[in-house]
PDB file of N, CA and C in Angstrom:
ATOM      1  N   MET A   1     -24.901 -88.500  11.550  1.00  0.00           N
ATOM      2  CA  MET A   1     -24.992 -87.160  10.993  1.00  0.00           C
ATOM      3  C   MET A   1     -23.605 -86.608  10.742  1.00  0.00           C
ATOM      4  N   GLY A   2     -23.531 -85.726   9.761  1.00  0.00           N
ATOM      5  CA  GLY A   2     -22.244 -85.127   9.428  1.00  0.00           C
ATOM      6  C   GLY A   2     -21.947 -83.919  10.296  1.00  0.00           C
ATOM      7  N   ASP A   3     -20.803 -83.352  10.039  1.00  0.00           N
ATOM      8  CA  ASP A   3     -20.354 -82.172  10.761  1.00  0.00           C
ATOM      9  C   ASP A   3     -21.244 -80.986  10.403  1.00  0.00           C
ATOM     10  N   THR A   4     -21.682 -80.211  11.397  1.00  0.00           N
ATOM     11  CA  THR A   4     -22.536 -79.054  11.142  1.00  0.00           C
ATOM     12  C   THR A   4     -21.747 -77.752  11.072  1.00  0.00           C
ATOM     13  N   ASN A   5     -20.420 -77.837  11.088  1.00  0.00           N
ATOM     14  CA  ASN A   5     -19.577 -76.658  11.010  1.00  0.00           C
ATOM     15  C   ASN A   5     -19.743 -76.022   9.631  1.00  0.00           C
ATOM     16  N   MET A   6     -20.018 -74.729   9.600  1.00  0.00           N
ATOM     17  CA  MET A   6     -20.270 -74.045   8.340  1.00  0.00           C
ATOM     18  C   MET A   6     -19.111 -73.141   7.909  1.00  0.00           C
ATOM     19  N   ASP A   7     -17.929 -73.347   8.458  1.00  0.00           N
ATOM     20  CA  ASP A   7     -16.769 -72.538   8.076  1.00  0.00           C
ATOM     21  C   ASP A   7     -16.319 -72.896   6.666  1.00  0.00           C
ATOM     22  N   THR A   8     -15.788 -71.910   5.968  1.00  0.00           N
ATOM     23  CA  THR A   8     -15.275 -72.141   4.628  1.00  0.00           C
ATOM     24  C   THR A   8     -14.116 -71.192   4.356  1.00  0.00           C
ATOM     25  N   ASP A   9     -13.239 -71.609   3.454  1.00  0.00           N
ATOM     26  CA  ASP A   9     -12.193 -70.712   2.984  1.00  0.00           C
ATOM     27  C   ASP A   9     -12.382 -70.438   1.492  1.00  0.00           C
ATOM     28  N   ASN A  10     -13.565 -70.794   0.984  1.00  0.00           N
ATOM     29  CA  ASN A  10     -13.878 -70.582  -0.421  1.00  0.00           C
ATOM     30  C   ASN A  10     -13.921 -69.075  -0.697  1.00  0.00           C
ATOM     31  N   PRO A  11     -13.007 -68.561  -1.554  1.00  0.00           N
ATOM     32  CA  PRO A  11     -12.926 -67.108  -1.760  1.00  0.00           C
ATOM     33  C   PRO A  11     -14.196 -66.522  -2.380  1.00  0.00           C
ATOM     34  N   ILE A  12     -14.916 -67.274  -3.178  1.00  0.00           N
ATOM     35  CA  ILE A  12     -16.154 -66.759  -3.783  1.00  0.00           C
ATOM     36  C   ILE A  12     -17.209 -66.538  -2.709  1.00  0.00           C
ATOM     37  N   ILE A  13     -17.358 -67.502  -1.816  1.00  0.00           N
ATOM     38  CA  ILE A  13     -18.333 -67.362  -0.744  1.00  0.00           C
ATOM     39  C   ILE A  13     -17.918 -66.241   0.200  1.00  0.00           C
ATOM     40  N   ILE A  14     -16.656 -66.191   0.559  1.00  0.00           N
ATOM     41  CA  ILE A  14     -16.176 -65.152   1.474  1.00  0.00           C
ATOM     42  C   ILE A  14     -16.368 -63.767   0.866  1.00  0.00           C
ATOM     43  N   ARG A  15     -16.041 -63.602  -0.409  1.00  0.00           N
ATOM     44  CA  ARG A  15     -16.140 -62.296  -1.079  1.00  0.00           C
ATOM     45  C   ARG A  15     -17.591 -61.838  -1.220  1.00  0.00           C
ATOM     46  N   ASN A  16     -18.530 -62.774  -1.295  1.00  0.00           N
ATOM     47  CA  ASN A  16     -19.925 -62.422  -1.549  1.00  0.00           C
ATOM     48  C   ASN A  16     -20.832 -62.594  -0.336  1.00  0.00           C
ATOM     49  N   THR A  17     -20.254 -62.665   0.849  1.00  0.00           N
ATOM     50  CA  THR A  17     -21.030 -62.787   2.078  1.00  0.00           C
ATOM     51  C   THR A  17     -20.875 -61.521   2.882  1.00  0.00           C
ATOM     52  N   LEU A  18     -22.006 -60.947   3.295  1.00  0.00           N
ATOM     53  CA  LEU A  18     -21.977 -59.740   4.102  1.00  0.00           C
ATOM     54  C   LEU A  18     -21.915 -60.109   5.573  1.00  0.00           C
ATOM     55  N   ASN A  19     -21.122 -59.402   6.322  1.00  0.00           N
ATOM     56  CA  ASN A  19     -21.078 -59.564   7.765  1.00  0.00           C
ATOM     57  C   ASN A  19     -21.909 -58.434   8.359  1.00  0.00           C
ATOM     58  N   SER A  20     -23.226 -58.596   8.289  1.00  0.00           N
ATOM     59  CA  SER A  20     -24.156 -57.552   8.726  1.00  0.00           C
ATOM     60  C   SER A  20     -24.366 -57.590  10.230  1.00  0.00           C
ATOM     61  N   PRO A  21     -24.719 -56.435  10.802  1.00  0.00           N
ATOM     62  CA  PRO A  21     -25.055 -56.446  12.230  1.00  0.00           C
ATOM     63  C   PRO A  21     -26.289 -57.303  12.475  1.00  0.00           C
ATOM     64  N   THR A  22     -26.359 -57.882  13.638  1.00  0.00           N
ATOM     65  CA  THR A  22     -27.489 -58.727  13.996  1.00  0.00           C
ATOM     66  C   THR A  22     -28.706 -57.872  14.264  1.00  0.00           C
ATOM     67  N   ILE A  23     -29.849 -58.300  13.755  1.00  0.00           N
ATOM     68  CA  ILE A  23     -31.110 -57.629  14.039  1.00  0.00           C
ATOM     69  C   ILE A  23     -31.712 -58.333  15.248  1.00  0.00           C
ATOM     70  N   VAL A  24     -32.002 -57.572  16.284  1.00  0.00           N
ATOM     71  CA  VAL A  24     -32.598 -58.148  17.482  1.00  0.00           C
ATOM     72  C   VAL A  24     -34.105 -57.944  17.406  1.00  0.00           C
ATOM     73  N   CYS A  25     -34.823 -59.032  17.349  1.00  0.00           N
ATOM     74  CA  CYS A  25     -36.281 -58.978  17.280  1.00  0.00           C
ATOM     75  C   CYS A  25     -36.843 -59.386  18.639  1.00  0.00           C
ATOM     76  N   VAL A  26     -37.448 -58.443  19.307  1.00  0.00           N
ATOM     77  CA  VAL A  26     -38.034 -58.729  20.603  1.00  0.00           C
ATOM     78  C   VAL A  26     -39.319 -59.509  20.369  1.00  0.00           C
ATOM     79  N   GLN A  27     -39.413 -60.651  20.993  1.00  0.00           N
ATOM     80  CA  GLN A  27     -40.587 -61.495  20.814  1.00  0.00           C
ATOM     81  C   GLN A  27     -41.690 -61.067  21.778  1.00  0.00           C
ATOM     82  N   ARG A  28     -42.896 -61.039  21.266  1.00  0.00           N
ATOM     83  CA  ARG A  28     -44.039 -60.740  22.115  1.00  0.00           C
ATOM     84  C   ARG A  28     -44.416 -61.995  22.893  1.00  0.00           C
ATOM     85  N   LYS A  29     -44.937 -61.795  24.062  1.00  0.00           N
ATOM     86  CA  LYS A  29     -45.375 -62.915  24.880  1.00  0.00           C
ATOM     87  C   LYS A  29     -46.807 -63.279  24.487  1.00  0.00           C
ATOM     88  N   ALA A  30     -47.052 -64.544  24.336  1.00  0.00           N
ATOM     89  CA  ALA A  30     -48.391 -65.018  24.017  1.00  0.00           C
ATOM     90  C   ALA A  30     -48.750 -66.134  24.979  1.00  0.00           C
ATOM     91  N   GLU A  31     -50.016 -66.274  25.180  1.00  0.00           N
ATOM     92  CA  GLU A  31     -50.494 -67.345  26.039  1.00  0.00           C
ATOM     93  C   GLU A  31     -50.159 -68.689  25.409  1.00  0.00           C
ATOM     94  N   LYS A  32     -49.639 -69.603  26.212  1.00  0.00           N
ATOM     95  CA  LYS A  32     -49.305 -70.926  25.712  1.00  0.00           C
ATOM     96  C   LYS A  32     -50.567 -71.765  25.655  1.00  0.00           C
ATOM     97  N   VAL A  33     -50.814 -72.329  24.469  1.00  0.00           N
ATOM     98  CA  VAL A  33     -51.982 -73.187  24.284  1.00  0.00           C
ATOM     99  C   VAL A  33     -51.588 -74.378  23.423  1.00  0.00           C
ATOM    100  N   ILE A  34     -52.351 -75.428  23.538  1.00  0.00           N
ATOM    101  CA  ILE A  34     -52.225 -76.547  22.610  1.00  0.00           C
ATOM    102  C   ILE A  34     -53.274 -76.291  21.536  1.00  0.00           C
ATOM    103  N   PRO A  35     -52.835 -75.986  20.303  1.00  0.00           N
ATOM    104  CA  PRO A  35     -53.802 -75.587  19.275  1.00  0.00           C
ATOM    105  C   PRO A  35     -54.731 -76.743  18.876  1.00  0.00           C
ATOM    106  N   THR A  36     -55.950 -76.356  18.645  1.00  0.00           N
ATOM    107  CA  THR A  36     -56.945 -77.307  18.145  1.00  0.00           C
ATOM    108  C   THR A  36     -57.005 -77.174  16.626  1.00  0.00           C
ATOM    109  N   GLU A  37     -57.739 -78.055  16.004  1.00  0.00           N
ATOM    110  CA  GLU A  37     -57.908 -77.957  14.544  1.00  0.00           C
ATOM    111  C   GLU A  37     -58.561 -76.632  14.184  1.00  0.00           C
ATOM    112  N   GLU A  38     -59.505 -76.171  15.004  1.00  0.00           N
ATOM    113  CA  GLU A  38     -60.165 -74.883  14.749  1.00  0.00           C
ATOM    114  C   GLU A  38     -59.171 -73.722  14.827  1.00  0.00           C
ATOM    115  N   ASP A  39     -58.229 -73.803  15.779  1.00  0.00           N
ATOM    116  CA  ASP A  39     -57.195 -72.768  15.896  1.00  0.00           C
ATOM    117  C   ASP A  39     -56.338 -72.707  14.638  1.00  0.00           C
ATOM    118  N   ILE A  40     -55.982 -73.864  14.118  1.00  0.00           N
ATOM    119  CA  ILE A  40     -55.148 -73.928  12.911  1.00  0.00           C
ATOM    120  C   ILE A  40     -55.903 -73.389  11.713  1.00  0.00           C
ATOM    121  N   ILE A  41     -57.170 -73.729  11.580  1.00  0.00           N
ATOM    122  CA  ILE A  41     -57.999 -73.212  10.481  1.00  0.00           C
ATOM    123  C   ILE A  41     -58.096 -71.691  10.575  1.00  0.00           C
ATOM    124  N   LYS A  42     -58.335 -71.178  11.791  1.00  0.00           N
ATOM    125  CA  LYS A  42     -58.430 -69.729  11.996  1.00  0.00           C
ATOM    126  C   LYS A  42     -57.120 -69.032  11.621  1.00  0.00           C
ATOM    127  N   ALA A  43     -55.985 -69.606  12.049  1.00  0.00           N
ATOM    128  CA  ALA A  43     -54.670 -69.022  11.735  1.00  0.00           C
ATOM    129  C   ALA A  43     -54.434 -68.999  10.229  1.00  0.00           C
ATOM    130  N   ASN A  44     -54.807 -70.078   9.549  1.00  0.00           N
ATOM    131  CA  ASN A  44     -54.637 -70.118   8.089  1.00  0.00           C
ATOM    132  C   ASN A  44     -55.481 -69.058   7.404  1.00  0.00           C
ATOM    133  N   LYS A  45     -56.720 -68.884   7.848  1.00  0.00           N
ATOM    134  CA  LYS A  45     -57.593 -67.868   7.245  1.00  0.00           C
ATOM    135  C   LYS A  45     -57.062 -66.462   7.492  1.00  0.00           C
ATOM    136  N   LEU A  46     -56.578 -66.206   8.705  1.00  0.00           N
ATOM    137  CA  LEU A  46     -56.027 -64.885   9.023  1.00  0.00           C
ATOM    138  C   LEU A  46     -54.771 -64.588   8.210  1.00  0.00           C
ATOM    139  N   ALA A  47     -54.020 -65.610   7.847  1.00  0.00           N
ATOM    140  CA  ALA A  47     -52.771 -65.415   7.107  1.00  0.00           C
ATOM    141  C   ALA A  47     -53.001 -64.868   5.705  1.00  0.00           C
ATOM    142  N   PHE A  48     -54.199 -65.056   5.156  1.00  0.00           N
ATOM    143  CA  PHE A  48     -54.467 -64.564   3.806  1.00  0.00           C
ATOM    144  C   PHE A  48     -54.587 -63.048   3.751  1.00  0.00           C
ATOM    145  N   ASN A  49     -54.806 -62.410   4.870  1.00  0.00           N
ATOM    146  CA  ASN A  49     -54.977 -60.954   4.893  1.00  0.00           C
ATOM    147  C   ASN A  49     -53.811 -60.247   5.567  1.00  0.00           C
ATOM    148  N   ASP A  50     -52.613 -60.818   5.479  1.00  0.00           N
ATOM    149  CA  ASP A  50     -51.488 -60.186   6.158  1.00  0.00           C
ATOM    150  C   ASP A  50     -50.603 -59.426   5.171  1.00  0.00           C
ATOM    151  N   ASP A  51     -49.619 -58.738   5.731  1.00  0.00           N
ATOM    152  CA  ASP A  51     -48.723 -57.898   4.931  1.00  0.00           C
ATOM    153  C   ASP A  51     -47.351 -58.523   4.723  1.00  0.00           C
ATOM    154  N   ILE A  52     -47.165 -59.773   5.138  1.00  0.00           N
ATOM    155  CA  ILE A  52     -45.833 -60.384   5.074  1.00  0.00           C
ATOM    156  C   ILE A  52     -45.291 -60.378   3.648  1.00  0.00           C
ATOM    157  N   GLY A  53     -46.094 -60.814   2.691  1.00  0.00           N
ATOM    158  CA  GLY A  53     -45.641 -60.853   1.291  1.00  0.00           C
ATOM    159  C   GLY A  53     -45.307 -59.476   0.753  1.00  0.00           C
ATOM    160  N   THR A  54     -46.130 -58.496   1.080  1.00  0.00           N
ATOM    161  CA  THR A  54     -45.896 -57.120   0.619  1.00  0.00           C
ATOM    162  C   THR A  54     -44.587 -56.582   1.179  1.00  0.00           C
ATOM    163  N   VAL A  55     -44.370 -56.766   2.483  1.00  0.00           N
ATOM    164  CA  VAL A  55     -43.142 -56.287   3.112  1.00  0.00           C
ATOM    165  C   VAL A  55     -41.938 -57.000   2.502  1.00  0.00           C
ATOM    166  N   THR A  56     -42.050 -58.311   2.332  1.00  0.00           N
ATOM    167  CA  THR A  56     -40.947 -59.093   1.750  1.00  0.00           C
ATOM    168  C   THR A  56     -40.616 -58.598   0.351  1.00  0.00           C
ATOM    169  N   ASN A  57     -41.620 -58.310  -0.448  1.00  0.00           N
ATOM    170  CA  ASN A  57     -41.386 -57.809  -1.813  1.00  0.00           C
ATOM    171  C   ASN A  57     -40.659 -56.462  -1.791  1.00  0.00           C
ATOM    172  N   HIS A  58     -41.023 -55.595  -0.857  1.00  0.00           N
ATOM    173  CA  HIS A  58     -40.342 -54.294  -0.764  1.00  0.00           C
ATOM    174  C   HIS A  58     -38.868 -54.470  -0.389  1.00  0.00           C
ATOM    175  N   VAL A  59     -38.611 -55.342   0.584  1.00  0.00           N
ATOM    176  CA  VAL A  59     -37.224 -55.569   1.009  1.00  0.00           C
ATOM    177  C   VAL A  59     -36.412 -56.181  -0.124  1.00  0.00           C
ATOM    178  N   THR A  60     -36.992 -57.161  -0.806  1.00  0.00           N
ATOM    179  CA  THR A  60     -36.296 -57.801  -1.928  1.00  0.00           C
ATOM    180  C   THR A  60     -35.991 -56.788  -3.025  1.00  0.00           C
ATOM    181  N   SER A  61     -36.920 -55.889  -3.286  1.00  0.00           N
ATOM    182  CA  SER A  61     -36.693 -54.852  -4.298  1.00  0.00           C
ATOM    183  C   SER A  61     -35.537 -53.944  -3.908  1.00  0.00           C
ATOM    184  N   MET A  62     -35.454 -53.610  -2.628  1.00  0.00           N
ATOM    185  CA  MET A  62     -34.349 -52.755  -2.179  1.00  0.00           C
ATOM    186  C   MET A  62     -33.003 -53.467  -2.345  1.00  0.00           C
ATOM    187  N   ILE A  63     -32.987 -54.772  -2.114  1.00  0.00           N
ATOM    188  CA  ILE A  63     -31.748 -55.539  -2.298  1.00  0.00           C
ATOM    189  C   ILE A  63     -31.332 -55.500  -3.769  1.00  0.00           C
ATOM    190  N   GLU A  64     -32.295 -55.622  -4.664  1.00  0.00           N
ATOM    191  CA  GLU A  64     -31.996 -55.560  -6.104  1.00  0.00           C
ATOM    192  C   GLU A  64     -31.476 -54.176  -6.502  1.00  0.00           C
ATOM    193  N   VAL A  65     -32.090 -53.123  -5.985  1.00  0.00           N
ATOM    194  CA  VAL A  65     -31.642 -51.763  -6.299  1.00  0.00           C
ATOM    195  C   VAL A  65     -30.240 -51.536  -5.738  1.00  0.00           C
ATOM    196  N   GLN A  66     -29.979 -52.039  -4.535  1.00  0.00           N
ATOM    197  CA  GLN A  66     -28.680 -51.861  -3.896  1.00  0.00           C
ATOM    198  C   GLN A  66     -27.553 -52.441  -4.738  1.00  0.00           C
ATOM    199  N   ALA A  67     -27.842 -53.519  -5.467  1.00  0.00           N
ATOM    200  CA  ALA A  67     -26.817 -54.164  -6.297  1.00  0.00           C
ATOM    201  C   ALA A  67     -26.275 -53.218  -7.371  1.00  0.00           C
ATOM    202  N   GLY A  68     -27.003 -52.146  -7.676  1.00  0.00           N
ATOM    203  CA  GLY A  68     -26.564 -51.182  -8.683  1.00  0.00           C
ATOM    204  C   GLY A  68     -25.608 -50.127  -8.148  1.00  0.00           C
ATOM    205  N   PHE A  69     -25.322 -50.146  -6.856  1.00  0.00           N
ATOM    206  CA  PHE A  69     -24.441 -49.154  -6.241  1.00  0.00           C
ATOM    207  C   PHE A  69     -23.174 -49.812  -5.708  1.00  0.00           C
ATOM    208  N   GLU A  70     -22.123 -49.069  -5.677  1.00  0.00           N
ATOM    209  CA  GLU A  70     -20.861 -49.548  -5.124  1.00  0.00           C
ATOM    210  C   GLU A  70     -20.959 -49.582  -3.599  1.00  0.00           C
ATOM    211  N   PRO A  71     -20.399 -50.623  -2.986  1.00  0.00           N
ATOM    212  CA  PRO A  71     -20.382 -50.658  -1.514  1.00  0.00           C
ATOM    213  C   PRO A  71     -19.693 -49.417  -0.942  1.00  0.00           C
ATOM    214  N   ARG A  72     -20.137 -49.026   0.241  1.00  0.00           N
ATOM    215  CA  ARG A  72     -19.607 -47.893   0.988  1.00  0.00           C
ATOM    216  C   ARG A  72     -19.967 -46.527   0.385  1.00  0.00           C
ATOM    217  N   THR A  73     -20.846 -46.485  -0.609  1.00  0.00           N
ATOM    218  CA  THR A  73     -21.340 -45.192  -1.089  1.00  0.00           C
ATOM    219  C   THR A  73     -22.550 -44.808  -0.241  1.00  0.00           C
ATOM    220  N   PRO A  74     -22.900 -43.531  -0.206  1.00  0.00           N
ATOM    221  CA  PRO A  74     -24.068 -43.116   0.585  1.00  0.00           C
ATOM    222  C   PRO A  74     -25.348 -43.855   0.172  1.00  0.00           C
ATOM    223  N   GLU A  75     -25.514 -44.065  -1.119  1.00  0.00           N
ATOM    224  CA  GLU A  75     -26.715 -44.759  -1.604  1.00  0.00           C
ATOM    225  C   GLU A  75     -26.756 -46.202  -1.103  1.00  0.00           C
ATOM    226  N   TYR A  76     -25.637 -46.877  -1.190  1.00  0.00           N
ATOM    227  CA  TYR A  76     -25.538 -48.266  -0.756  1.00  0.00           C
ATOM    228  C   TYR A  76     -25.803 -48.371   0.745  1.00  0.00           C
ATOM    229  N   GLU A  77     -25.199 -47.471   1.521  1.00  0.00           N
ATOM    230  CA  GLU A  77     -25.361 -47.499   2.975  1.00  0.00           C
ATOM    231  C   GLU A  77     -26.793 -47.173   3.384  1.00  0.00           C
ATOM    232  N   THR A  78     -27.413 -46.217   2.688  1.00  0.00           N
ATOM    233  CA  THR A  78     -28.810 -45.884   2.984  1.00  0.00           C
ATOM    234  C   THR A  78     -29.707 -47.093   2.732  1.00  0.00           C
ATOM    235  N   LEU A  79     -29.475 -47.777   1.619  1.00  0.00           N
ATOM    236  CA  LEU A  79     -30.266 -48.976   1.326  1.00  0.00           C
ATOM    237  C   LEU A  79     -29.988 -50.085   2.336  1.00  0.00           C
ATOM    238  N   SER A  80     -28.743 -50.215   2.799  1.00  0.00           N
ATOM    239  CA  SER A  80     -28.439 -51.216   3.828  1.00  0.00           C
ATOM    240  C   SER A  80     -29.270 -50.966   5.077  1.00  0.00           C
ATOM    241  N   TYR A  81     -29.333 -49.717   5.480  1.00  0.00           N
ATOM    242  CA  TYR A  81     -30.126 -49.356   6.663  1.00  0.00           C
ATOM    243  C   TYR A  81     -31.608 -49.654   6.428  1.00  0.00           C
ATOM    244  N   ARG A  82     -32.119 -49.283   5.271  1.00  0.00           N
ATOM    245  CA  ARG A  82     -33.534 -49.519   4.973  1.00  0.00           C
ATOM    246  C   ARG A  82     -33.853 -51.010   4.888  1.00  0.00           C
ATOM    247  N   ILE A  83     -32.931 -51.792   4.365  1.00  0.00           N
ATOM    248  CA  ILE A  83     -33.133 -53.242   4.289  1.00  0.00           C
ATOM    249  C   ILE A  83     -33.203 -53.829   5.689  1.00  0.00           C
ATOM    250  N   MET A  84     -32.304 -53.408   6.568  1.00  0.00           N
ATOM    251  CA  MET A  84     -32.351 -53.909   7.948  1.00  0.00           C
ATOM    252  C   MET A  84     -33.657 -53.505   8.637  1.00  0.00           C
ATOM    253  N   CYS A  85     -34.089 -52.276   8.413  1.00  0.00           N
ATOM    254  CA  CYS A  85     -35.373 -51.841   8.992  1.00  0.00           C
ATOM    255  C   CYS A  85     -36.517 -52.672   8.412  1.00  0.00           C
ATOM    256  N   GLY A  86     -36.452 -52.939   7.122  1.00  0.00           N
ATOM    257  CA  GLY A  86     -37.477 -53.753   6.482  1.00  0.00           C
ATOM    258  C   GLY A  86     -37.505 -55.167   7.023  1.00  0.00           C
ATOM    259  N   GLN A  87     -36.327 -55.728   7.320  1.00  0.00           N
ATOM    260  CA  GLN A  87     -36.272 -57.076   7.883  1.00  0.00           C
ATOM    261  C   GLN A  87     -36.871 -57.093   9.282  1.00  0.00           C
ATOM    262  N   LEU A  88     -36.649 -56.050  10.045  1.00  0.00           N
ATOM    263  CA  LEU A  88     -37.265 -55.955  11.357  1.00  0.00           C
ATOM    264  C   LEU A  88     -38.790 -55.846  11.196  1.00  0.00           C
ATOM    265  N   PHE A  89     -39.233 -55.048  10.242  1.00  0.00           N
ATOM    266  CA  PHE A  89     -40.663 -54.895   9.995  1.00  0.00           C
ATOM    267  C   PHE A  89     -41.263 -56.234   9.550  1.00  0.00           C
ATOM    268  N   GLN A  90     -40.512 -57.016   8.743  1.00  0.00           N
ATOM    269  CA  GLN A  90     -40.977 -58.354   8.372  1.00  0.00           C
ATOM    270  C   GLN A  90     -41.236 -59.184   9.611  1.00  0.00           C
ATOM    271  N   GLN A  91     -40.272 -59.178  10.542  1.00  0.00           N
ATOM    272  CA  GLN A  91     -40.419 -59.967  11.767  1.00  0.00           C
ATOM    273  C   GLN A  91     -41.629 -59.511  12.560  1.00  0.00           C
ATOM    274  N   ASN A  92     -41.813 -58.200  12.658  1.00  0.00           N
ATOM    275  CA  ASN A  92     -42.973 -57.686  13.395  1.00  0.00           C
ATOM    276  C   ASN A  92     -44.274 -58.067  12.705  1.00  0.00           C
ATOM    277  N   THR A  93     -44.268 -58.107  11.387  1.00  0.00           N
ATOM    278  CA  THR A  93     -45.463 -58.503  10.644  1.00  0.00           C
ATOM    279  C   THR A  93     -45.789 -59.971  10.885  1.00  0.00           C
ATOM    280  N   ILE A  94     -44.747 -60.790  10.956  1.00  0.00           N
ATOM    281  CA  ILE A  94     -44.949 -62.225  11.207  1.00  0.00           C
ATOM    282  C   ILE A  94     -45.489 -62.449  12.612  1.00  0.00           C
ATOM    283  N   ASP A  95     -44.937 -61.714  13.574  1.00  0.00           N
ATOM    284  CA  ASP A  95     -45.389 -61.865  14.964  1.00  0.00           C
ATOM    285  C   ASP A  95     -46.808 -61.369  15.091  1.00  0.00           C
TER     286      ASP A  95
END
């Protein structure tokens, strides 16, 4: 296997990478089970009625809107906060 170090000095990557605060997602505790085929079928059926896609679409839309504002403006910062909240909501929706 090759080196897994992801450091770079590429100015394009550095200029276009955000150093965002880490979102801490508290994991819920669930009973440990070895899933059966019925469990997997049930999980797949339940996944069709979830909000993950809807939440993801809202967050993605906010990222697109944010691109229209200059960094460090009130609008840009407000969208940054909302995007982070949306990402947390995505995690909660998945859990």
